[in-house]
Every structure is written in C-alpha cells, then in structure tokens.
Amino acid sequence: MQIPDKYQPVMLEALQDLLYKVSLDLSAMKGQPLTKERKQLTRKQTDIEELQHLLMLNRK
C-alpha cells in the first residue's frame, strides 16, 4: 500500500492518538482477568504499533 508523502504525518498522528486511547483503555483493565475484550485491545495495540513502524519505514 502506498500512502502519498503529504498524508503520512497525518496518518502517524492519528495512529498515535488511537494508540494513546487504546493504552488508556488497557490501563483501566490492569490487574483484571485477561478477558476477550482485553485480548482484542492488546492485539489492536500491536497492530497500530506495526502500522506506525511501516509508515516510518516508508518515510525514509
């Protein structure tokens, strides 16, 4: 997938904001059992981090 250079900073910022939101949600669940929702949020967090990494590699 190619993302034009002019959109990459906006995409990175949006991913950072989403990652922050997911981190807050996960933080609220800290110490609780590993529920289906918590597993999904953890996977979502990993996916967002991977996307950020791909975008950063694409910028170079």
Protein backbone atom coordinates (compact mmCIF):
# COMPACT_ATOMS: atom_id res chain seq x y z
CA MET A 1 0.00 0.00 0.00
CA GLN A 2 1.37 3.37 -0.97
CA ILE A 3 0.42 6.46 1.00
CA PRO A 4 1.37 9.80 -0.51
CA ASP A 5 4.03 11.65 1.47
CA LYS A 6 1.71 14.55 2.27
CA TYR A 7 -0.65 12.23 4.20
CA GLN A 8 1.94 10.33 6.21
CA PRO A 9 2.32 12.88 9.05
CA VAL A 10 -1.46 12.97 9.49
CA MET A 11 -1.65 9.18 9.46
CA LEU A 12 1.13 8.92 12.05
CA GLU A 13 -0.58 11.48 14.28
CA ALA A 14 -3.91 9.66 14.01
CA LEU A 15 -2.26 6.34 14.84
CA GLN A 16 -0.52 7.93 17.82
CA ASP A 17 -3.84 9.29 19.11
CA LEU A 18 -5.50 5.90 18.64
CA LEU A 19 -2.62 4.16 20.37
CA TYR A 20 -2.99 6.54 23.32
CA LYS A 21 -6.71 5.79 23.56
CA VAL A 22 -6.13 2.03 23.46
CA SER A 23 -3.39 2.36 26.08
CA LEU A 24 -5.78 4.21 28.38
CA ASP A 25 -8.41 1.52 27.91
CA LEU A 26 -5.86 -1.20 28.66
CA SER A 27 -4.59 0.72 31.68
CA ALA A 28 -8.10 0.76 33.12
CA MET A 29 -8.14 -3.04 32.85
CA LYS A 30 -4.81 -3.53 34.56
CA GLY A 31 -4.92 -6.22 37.21
CA GLN A 32 -8.15 -7.68 35.87
CA PRO A 33 -8.54 -11.08 34.23
CA LEU A 34 -7.45 -11.49 30.61
CA THR A 35 -10.89 -11.14 29.03
CA LYS A 36 -11.79 -11.36 25.35
CA GLU A 37 -12.05 -7.55 25.22
CA ARG A 38 -8.63 -7.13 26.80
CA LYS A 39 -7.09 -9.60 24.34
CA GLN A 40 -8.68 -7.69 21.43
CA LEU A 41 -7.34 -4.37 22.72
CA THR A 42 -3.87 -5.85 23.13
CA ARG A 43 -3.97 -7.14 19.55
CA LYS A 44 -5.23 -3.77 18.35
CA GLN A 45 -2.35 -2.07 20.16
CA THR A 46 0.14 -4.39 18.45
CA ASP A 47 -1.46 -3.77 15.04
CA ILE A 48 -1.29 0.00 15.50
CA GLU A 49 2.38 -0.20 16.50
CA GLU A 50 3.11 -2.30 13.41
CA LEU A 51 1.35 0.23 11.18
CA GLN A 52 3.35 3.06 12.73
CA HIS A 53 6.54 1.15 12.07
CA LEU A 54 5.57 0.53 8.42
CA LEU A 55 4.77 4.20 7.90
CA MET A 56 8.08 5.25 9.43
CA LEU A 57 9.96 2.84 7.16
CA ASN A 58 8.07 4.24 4.18
CA ARG A 59 9.12 7.81 5.04
CA LYS A 60 12.84 7.04 4.74
